[in-house]
Amino acid sequence: MSPEALKHLAEITSASSYPKGAFLFMEGQDPRGIFIICSGRVKLSGASSAGKTMISRFAEPGEVLGVASVISGRPYVLTAEVFEPTQANFVSSAHFMDFLRKHGEAALRAAQQLAENYDAALLELRNVGMSHSAEEKLARFLLDWSAKHPGPKSQNHFKLSLTHEEIASAIGASRETVTRVLSEFKRKGLLQINGSTFAILDRSEFKRMAG
């Protein structure tokens, strides 16, 4: 963005720190603004028609949350819950819309993000819909997580501080199924788990299972 746009953005932004478990916004809530994630990680989830919570994804530093709802004026479609202590910059809806009207390059970037989010959502729906087994879904989830959150030495060693219930919510399975499949992966020598530290021992086999 131009120096003028950056200066304007700094003037309308307020920074805050959020502890684990805090909510940036809730599904169905009228949009009050956008959140720019500076550090930490935020869990995005929604409720199914049956009332079951489904994890959509985890937002990382650099992502902007709430853009679609602020631009459309419609309620937030997901709940944003702080998964790790997070620092985020907040811009109110009125200030953000005024900012977009005054800075064309920022409006273009917002449109690009909306398109990227839409494509990512379609890809995720396709992957879930085309997955025929819990093994395939879980293998793909672990591969994706390891690629996004690699350890200091390699992608094959990574931290995963999710409960089995949360993993199940992310892949559309039951907690019991996740526990069973993880045990099978360990028994076959494909995966090693020590607390929240995971090690993929046979990445090629994981890729084969993930399709």
C-alpha atoms as a PDB file:
ATOM      1  CA  MET A   1       0.000   0.000   0.000  1.00  0.00           C
ATOM      2  CA  SER A   2       1.030   3.613  -0.442  1.00  0.00           C
ATOM      3  CA  PRO A   3       2.594   5.552   2.453  1.00  0.00           C
ATOM      4  CA  GLU A   4      -0.605   7.603   2.619  1.00  0.00           C
ATOM      5  CA  ALA A   5      -2.740   4.467   2.957  1.00  0.00           C
ATOM      6  CA  LEU A   6      -0.446   2.995   5.605  1.00  0.00           C
ATOM      7  CA  LYS A   7      -0.568   6.247   7.570  1.00  0.00           C
ATOM      8  CA  HIS A   8      -4.365   6.298   7.381  1.00  0.00           C
ATOM      9  CA  LEU A   9      -4.559   2.651   8.483  1.00  0.00           C
ATOM     10  CA  ALA A  10      -2.319   3.310  11.487  1.00  0.00           C
ATOM     11  CA  GLU A  11      -4.579   6.182  12.539  1.00  0.00           C
ATOM     12  CA  ILE A  12      -7.727   4.022  12.632  1.00  0.00           C
ATOM     13  CA  THR A  13      -6.187   0.886  14.154  1.00  0.00           C
ATOM     14  CA  SER A  14      -6.198  -0.124  17.812  1.00  0.00           C
ATOM     15  CA  ALA A  15      -3.938  -2.929  19.079  1.00  0.00           C
ATOM     16  CA  SER A  16      -4.920  -5.439  21.757  1.00  0.00           C
ATOM     17  CA  SER A  17      -3.665  -8.666  23.307  1.00  0.00           C
ATOM     18  CA  TYR A  18      -6.056 -11.590  23.738  1.00  0.00           C
ATOM     19  CA  PRO A  19      -5.597 -14.658  25.981  1.00  0.00           C
ATOM     20  CA  LYS A  20      -6.321 -18.222  24.901  1.00  0.00           C
ATOM     21  CA  GLY A  21     -10.072 -18.814  24.909  1.00  0.00           C
ATOM     22  CA  ALA A  22     -11.046 -15.190  24.230  1.00  0.00           C
ATOM     23  CA  PHE A  23     -13.471 -14.502  21.385  1.00  0.00           C
ATOM     24  CA  LEU A  24     -12.804 -11.910  18.696  1.00  0.00           C
ATOM     25  CA  PHE A  25     -16.329 -12.348  17.356  1.00  0.00           C
ATOM     26  CA  MET A  26     -19.144 -14.886  17.378  1.00  0.00           C
ATOM     27  CA  GLU A  27     -21.094 -16.555  14.613  1.00  0.00           C
ATOM     28  CA  GLY A  28     -24.322 -14.620  13.978  1.00  0.00           C
ATOM     29  CA  GLN A  29     -23.024 -11.432  15.599  1.00  0.00           C
ATOM     30  CA  ASP A  30     -23.405  -8.178  13.659  1.00  0.00           C
ATOM     31  CA  PRO A  31     -20.009  -7.151  12.256  1.00  0.00           C
ATOM     32  CA  ARG A  32     -18.307  -4.483  14.313  1.00  0.00           C
ATOM     33  CA  GLY A  33     -14.990  -4.495  12.484  1.00  0.00           C
ATOM     34  CA  ILE A  34     -12.012  -6.442  11.173  1.00  0.00           C
ATOM     35  CA  PHE A  35      -9.126  -8.033  13.059  1.00  0.00           C
ATOM     36  CA  ILE A  36      -5.578  -8.124  11.693  1.00  0.00           C
ATOM     37  CA  ILE A  37      -3.716 -11.024  13.320  1.00  0.00           C
ATOM     38  CA  CYS A  38      -0.194  -9.921  14.302  1.00  0.00           C
ATOM     39  CA  SER A  39       0.889 -12.935  16.362  1.00  0.00           C
ATOM     40  CA  GLY A  40      -0.642 -16.081  17.785  1.00  0.00           C
ATOM     41  CA  ARG A  41      -3.321 -18.280  16.253  1.00  0.00           C
ATOM     42  CA  VAL A  42      -7.123 -18.041  16.051  1.00  0.00           C
ATOM     43  CA  LYS A  43      -9.553 -20.934  15.657  1.00  0.00           C
ATOM     44  CA  LEU A  44     -12.423 -20.356  13.228  1.00  0.00           C
ATOM     45  CA  SER A  45     -15.456 -22.564  13.716  1.00  0.00           C
ATOM     46  CA  GLY A  46     -19.125 -22.740  12.885  1.00  0.00           C
ATOM     47  CA  ALA A  47     -22.193 -24.653  14.032  1.00  0.00           C
ATOM     48  CA  SER A  48     -23.816 -27.289  11.837  1.00  0.00           C
ATOM     49  CA  SER A  49     -27.585 -27.540  11.373  1.00  0.00           C
ATOM     50  CA  ALA A  50     -27.523 -30.198  14.103  1.00  0.00           C
ATOM     51  CA  GLY A  51     -25.814 -27.787  16.478  1.00  0.00           C
ATOM     52  CA  LYS A  52     -22.421 -29.509  16.332  1.00  0.00           C
ATOM     53  CA  THR A  53     -19.344 -27.258  16.295  1.00  0.00           C
ATOM     54  CA  MET A  54     -17.128 -27.734  13.235  1.00  0.00           C
ATOM     55  CA  ILE A  55     -13.636 -26.258  13.033  1.00  0.00           C
ATOM     56  CA  SER A  56     -13.150 -24.513   9.696  1.00  0.00           C
ATOM     57  CA  ARG A  57      -9.464 -23.604   9.963  1.00  0.00           C
ATOM     58  CA  PHE A  58      -6.856 -21.777  12.035  1.00  0.00           C
ATOM     59  CA  ALA A  59      -5.947 -18.175  11.187  1.00  0.00           C
ATOM     60  CA  GLU A  60      -2.269 -17.262  11.273  1.00  0.00           C
ATOM     61  CA  PRO A  61      -0.331 -13.975  11.668  1.00  0.00           C
ATOM     62  CA  GLY A  62      -0.865 -11.695   8.690  1.00  0.00           C
ATOM     63  CA  GLU A  63      -4.457 -12.762   8.099  1.00  0.00           C
ATOM     64  CA  VAL A  64      -7.371 -10.342   8.288  1.00  0.00           C
ATOM     65  CA  LEU A  65     -10.604 -11.664   9.781  1.00  0.00           C
ATOM     66  CA  GLY A  66     -14.124 -10.364   9.299  1.00  0.00           C
ATOM     67  CA  VAL A  67     -13.630  -8.636   5.937  1.00  0.00           C
ATOM     68  CA  ALA A  68     -16.500 -10.375   4.140  1.00  0.00           C
ATOM     69  CA  SER A  69     -19.023  -9.611   6.881  1.00  0.00           C
ATOM     70  CA  VAL A  70     -17.971  -5.973   7.220  1.00  0.00           C
ATOM     71  CA  ILE A  71     -18.181  -5.369   3.464  1.00  0.00           C
ATOM     72  CA  SER A  72     -21.510  -7.200   3.065  1.00  0.00           C
ATOM     73  CA  GLY A  73     -23.004  -5.867   6.297  1.00  0.00           C
ATOM     74  CA  ARG A  74     -24.110  -9.393   7.177  1.00  0.00           C
ATOM     75  CA  PRO A  75     -23.435 -11.209  10.471  1.00  0.00           C
ATOM     76  CA  TYR A  76     -20.172 -13.035  11.002  1.00  0.00           C
ATOM     77  CA  VAL A  77     -20.512 -16.552   9.559  1.00  0.00           C
ATOM     78  CA  LEU A  78     -17.898 -18.105  11.863  1.00  0.00           C
ATOM     79  CA  THR A  79     -16.758 -17.794  15.460  1.00  0.00           C
ATOM     80  CA  ALA A  80     -13.182 -16.576  15.986  1.00  0.00           C
ATOM     81  CA  GLU A  81     -11.727 -17.963  19.225  1.00  0.00           C
ATOM     82  CA  VAL A  82      -8.146 -17.316  20.317  1.00  0.00           C
ATOM     83  CA  PHE A  83      -6.288 -20.640  20.228  1.00  0.00           C
ATOM     84  CA  GLU A  84      -2.905 -19.270  21.320  1.00  0.00           C
ATOM     85  CA  PRO A  85      -2.231 -15.906  23.048  1.00  0.00           C
ATOM     86  CA  THR A  86      -2.758 -13.435  20.229  1.00  0.00           C
ATOM     87  CA  GLN A  87      -2.005  -9.840  19.365  1.00  0.00           C
ATOM     88  CA  ALA A  88      -4.418  -8.310  16.880  1.00  0.00           C
ATOM     89  CA  ASN A  89      -5.157  -4.904  15.424  1.00  0.00           C
ATOM     90  CA  PHE A  90      -8.819  -3.883  15.254  1.00  0.00           C
ATOM     91  CA  VAL A  91     -10.444  -1.512  12.759  1.00  0.00           C
ATOM     92  CA  SER A  92     -14.129  -0.639  13.176  1.00  0.00           C
ATOM     93  CA  SER A  93     -16.550  -1.303  10.322  1.00  0.00           C
ATOM     94  CA  ALA A  94     -17.158   2.390   9.628  1.00  0.00           C
ATOM     95  CA  HIS A  95     -13.456   3.232   9.586  1.00  0.00           C
ATOM     96  CA  PHE A  96     -12.613   0.228   7.409  1.00  0.00           C
ATOM     97  CA  MET A  97     -15.272   1.002   4.793  1.00  0.00           C
ATOM     98  CA  ASP A  98     -14.130   4.633   4.680  1.00  0.00           C
ATOM     99  CA  PHE A  99     -10.544   3.400   4.297  1.00  0.00           C
ATOM    100  CA  LEU A 100     -11.486   1.191   1.322  1.00  0.00           C
ATOM    101  CA  ARG A 101     -13.369   4.034  -0.377  1.00  0.00           C
ATOM    102  CA  LYS A 102     -10.346   6.317  -0.110  1.00  0.00           C
ATOM    103  CA  HIS A 103      -7.634   3.830  -1.092  1.00  0.00           C
ATOM    104  CA  GLY A 104      -8.239   1.812  -4.241  1.00  0.00           C
ATOM    105  CA  GLU A 105      -5.217  -0.460  -3.772  1.00  0.00           C
ATOM    106  CA  ALA A 106      -6.528  -1.505  -0.360  1.00  0.00           C
ATOM    107  CA  ALA A 107      -9.957  -2.247  -1.837  1.00  0.00           C
ATOM    108  CA  LEU A 108      -8.296  -4.413  -4.495  1.00  0.00           C
ATOM    109  CA  ARG A 109      -6.328  -6.313  -1.856  1.00  0.00           C
ATOM    110  CA  ALA A 110      -9.524  -6.890   0.126  1.00  0.00           C
ATOM    111  CA  ALA A 111     -11.190  -8.284  -3.003  1.00  0.00           C
ATOM    112  CA  GLN A 112      -8.203 -10.571  -3.569  1.00  0.00           C
ATOM    113  CA  GLN A 113      -8.429 -11.907  -0.021  1.00  0.00           C
ATOM    114  CA  LEU A 114     -12.142 -12.594  -0.400  1.00  0.00           C
ATOM    115  CA  ALA A 115     -11.413 -14.532  -3.599  1.00  0.00           C
ATOM    116  CA  GLU A 116      -8.619 -16.503  -1.899  1.00  0.00           C
ATOM    117  CA  ASN A 117     -10.843 -17.355   1.060  1.00  0.00           C
ATOM    118  CA  TYR A 118     -13.626 -18.461  -1.284  1.00  0.00           C
ATOM    119  CA  ASP A 119     -11.272 -20.708  -3.262  1.00  0.00           C
ATOM    120  CA  ALA A 120      -9.830 -22.180  -0.049  1.00  0.00           C
ATOM    121  CA  ALA A 121     -13.326 -22.920   1.269  1.00  0.00           C
ATOM    122  CA  LEU A 122     -14.303 -24.667  -1.975  1.00  0.00           C
ATOM    123  CA  LEU A 123     -11.111 -26.736  -1.898  1.00  0.00           C
ATOM    124  CA  GLU A 124     -11.764 -27.774   1.696  1.00  0.00           C
ATOM    125  CA  LEU A 125     -15.351 -28.758   0.877  1.00  0.00           C
ATOM    126  CA  ARG A 126     -14.118 -30.785  -2.082  1.00  0.00           C
ATOM    127  CA  ASN A 127     -11.484 -32.544   0.005  1.00  0.00           C
ATOM    128  CA  VAL A 128     -13.956 -33.421   2.745  1.00  0.00           C
ATOM    129  CA  GLY A 129     -16.596 -34.504   0.254  1.00  0.00           C
ATOM    130  CA  MET A 130     -14.193 -36.683  -1.742  1.00  0.00           C
ATOM    131  CA  SER A 131     -12.575 -38.283   1.309  1.00  0.00           C
ATOM    132  CA  HIS A 132     -13.920 -41.812   1.665  1.00  0.00           C
ATOM    133  CA  SER A 133     -12.314 -42.779   4.959  1.00  0.00           C
ATOM    134  CA  ALA A 134     -11.257 -41.334   8.288  1.00  0.00           C
ATOM    135  CA  GLU A 135      -7.707 -42.493   7.536  1.00  0.00           C
ATOM    136  CA  GLU A 136      -7.629 -40.365   4.383  1.00  0.00           C
ATOM    137  CA  LYS A 137      -9.064 -37.311   6.146  1.00  0.00           C
ATOM    138  CA  LEU A 138      -6.696 -37.588   9.103  1.00  0.00           C
ATOM    139  CA  ALA A 139      -3.643 -38.211   6.915  1.00  0.00           C
ATOM    140  CA  ARG A 140      -4.452 -35.111   4.863  1.00  0.00           C
ATOM    141  CA  PHE A 141      -5.037 -33.049   8.010  1.00  0.00           C
ATOM    142  CA  LEU A 142      -1.688 -34.049   9.535  1.00  0.00           C
ATOM    143  CA  LEU A 143       0.168 -33.388   6.273  1.00  0.00           C
ATOM    144  CA  ASP A 144      -1.437 -29.954   5.919  1.00  0.00           C
ATOM    145  CA  TRP A 145      -0.731 -29.073   9.553  1.00  0.00           C
ATOM    146  CA  SER A 146       2.908 -30.172   9.316  1.00  0.00           C
ATOM    147  CA  ALA A 147       3.377 -28.086   6.168  1.00  0.00           C
ATOM    148  CA  LYS A 148       1.911 -24.964   7.789  1.00  0.00           C
ATOM    149  CA  HIS A 149       3.549 -25.458  11.209  1.00  0.00           C
ATOM    150  CA  PRO A 150       6.859 -27.247  10.609  1.00  0.00           C
ATOM    151  CA  GLY A 151       9.232 -27.914  13.464  1.00  0.00           C
ATOM    152  CA  PRO A 152      12.711 -26.369  13.625  1.00  0.00           C
ATOM    153  CA  LYS A 153      14.287 -29.350  11.856  1.00  0.00           C
ATOM    154  CA  SER A 154      11.714 -30.549   9.322  1.00  0.00           C
ATOM    155  CA  GLN A 155       8.050 -30.729   8.379  1.00  0.00           C
ATOM    156  CA  ASN A 156       7.927 -34.273   9.714  1.00  0.00           C
ATOM    157  CA  HIS A 157       8.318 -33.093  13.334  1.00  0.00           C
ATOM    158  CA  PHE A 158       5.722 -30.594  14.534  1.00  0.00           C
ATOM    159  CA  LYS A 159       3.609 -29.435  17.469  1.00  0.00           C
ATOM    160  CA  LEU A 160      -0.117 -30.154  17.467  1.00  0.00           C
ATOM    161  CA  SER A 161      -1.851 -28.884  20.605  1.00  0.00           C
ATOM    162  CA  LEU A 162      -5.336 -30.020  19.584  1.00  0.00           C
ATOM    163  CA  THR A 163      -7.451 -32.485  21.505  1.00  0.00           C
ATOM    164  CA  HIS A 164      -8.814 -35.530  19.707  1.00  0.00           C
ATOM    165  CA  GLU A 165     -12.228 -33.845  19.884  1.00  0.00           C
ATOM    166  CA  GLU A 166     -10.874 -30.744  18.105  1.00  0.00           C
ATOM    167  CA  ILE A 167      -9.155 -32.822  15.426  1.00  0.00           C
ATOM    168  CA  ALA A 168     -12.404 -34.719  14.929  1.00  0.00           C
ATOM    169  CA  SER A 169     -14.266 -31.435  14.537  1.00  0.00           C
ATOM    170  CA  ALA A 170     -11.762 -30.289  11.918  1.00  0.00           C
ATOM    171  CA  ILE A 171     -12.053 -33.401   9.727  1.00  0.00           C
ATOM    172  CA  GLY A 172     -15.715 -34.267  10.231  1.00  0.00           C
ATOM    173  CA  ALA A 173     -15.252 -37.427  12.285  1.00  0.00           C
ATOM    174  CA  SER A 174     -15.956 -38.614  15.813  1.00  0.00           C
ATOM    175  CA  ARG A 175     -13.471 -38.350  18.666  1.00  0.00           C
ATOM    176  CA  GLU A 176     -13.458 -42.139  19.006  1.00  0.00           C
ATOM    177  CA  THR A 177     -12.579 -42.516  15.331  1.00  0.00           C
ATOM    178  CA  VAL A 178      -9.672 -40.071  15.599  1.00  0.00           C
ATOM    179  CA  THR A 179      -8.316 -41.911  18.647  1.00  0.00           C
ATOM    180  CA  ARG A 180      -8.598 -45.252  16.845  1.00  0.00           C
ATOM    181  CA  VAL A 181      -6.938 -44.078  13.623  1.00  0.00           C
ATOM    182  CA  LEU A 182      -4.080 -42.349  15.446  1.00  0.00           C
ATOM    183  CA  SER A 183      -3.463 -45.590  17.338  1.00  0.00           C
ATOM    184  CA  GLU A 184      -3.434 -47.486  14.040  1.00  0.00           C
ATOM    185  CA  PHE A 185      -0.931 -45.033  12.551  1.00  0.00           C
ATOM    186  CA  LYS A 186       1.332 -45.538  15.570  1.00  0.00           C
ATOM    187  CA  ARG A 187       0.949 -49.326  15.500  1.00  0.00           C
ATOM    188  CA  LYS A 188       1.927 -49.431  11.819  1.00  0.00           C
ATOM    189  CA  GLY A 189       5.019 -47.325  12.481  1.00  0.00           C
ATOM    190  CA  LEU A 190       3.742 -44.373  10.452  1.00  0.00           C
ATOM    191  CA  LEU A 191       3.434 -41.859  13.276  1.00  0.00           C
ATOM    192  CA  GLN A 192       5.060 -41.123  16.611  1.00  0.00           C
ATOM    193  CA  ILE A 193       3.338 -39.038  19.292  1.00  0.00           C
ATOM    194  CA  ASN A 194       4.918 -37.688  22.457  1.00  0.00           C
ATOM    195  CA  GLY A 195       2.496 -35.339  24.186  1.00  0.00           C
ATOM    196  CA  SER A 196       1.816 -32.538  21.697  1.00  0.00           C
ATOM    197  CA  THR A 197       4.866 -33.426  19.559  1.00  0.00           C
ATOM    198  CA  PHE A 198       4.084 -35.425  16.430  1.00  0.00           C
ATOM    199  CA  ALA A 199       6.537 -37.105  14.070  1.00  0.00           C
ATOM    200  CA  ILE A 200       5.501 -38.427  10.666  1.00  0.00           C
ATOM    201  CA  LEU A 201       7.773 -41.438  10.144  1.00  0.00           C
ATOM    202  CA  ASP A 202       6.655 -42.350   6.617  1.00  0.00           C
ATOM    203  CA  ARG A 203       5.616 -39.222   4.720  1.00  0.00           C
ATOM    204  CA  SER A 204       5.284 -41.028   1.397  1.00  0.00           C
ATOM    205  CA  GLU A 205       2.737 -43.422   2.896  1.00  0.00           C
ATOM    206  CA  PHE A 206       0.836 -40.496   4.414  1.00  0.00           C
ATOM    207  CA  LYS A 207       0.704 -38.836   0.985  1.00  0.00           C
ATOM    208  CA  ARG A 208      -0.567 -42.064  -0.540  1.00  0.00           C
ATOM    209  CA  MET A 209      -3.326 -42.338   2.070  1.00  0.00           C
ATOM    210  CA  ALA A 210      -4.254 -38.672   1.623  1.00  0.00           C
ATOM    211  CA  GLY A 211      -4.721 -39.190  -2.090  1.00  0.00           C
END
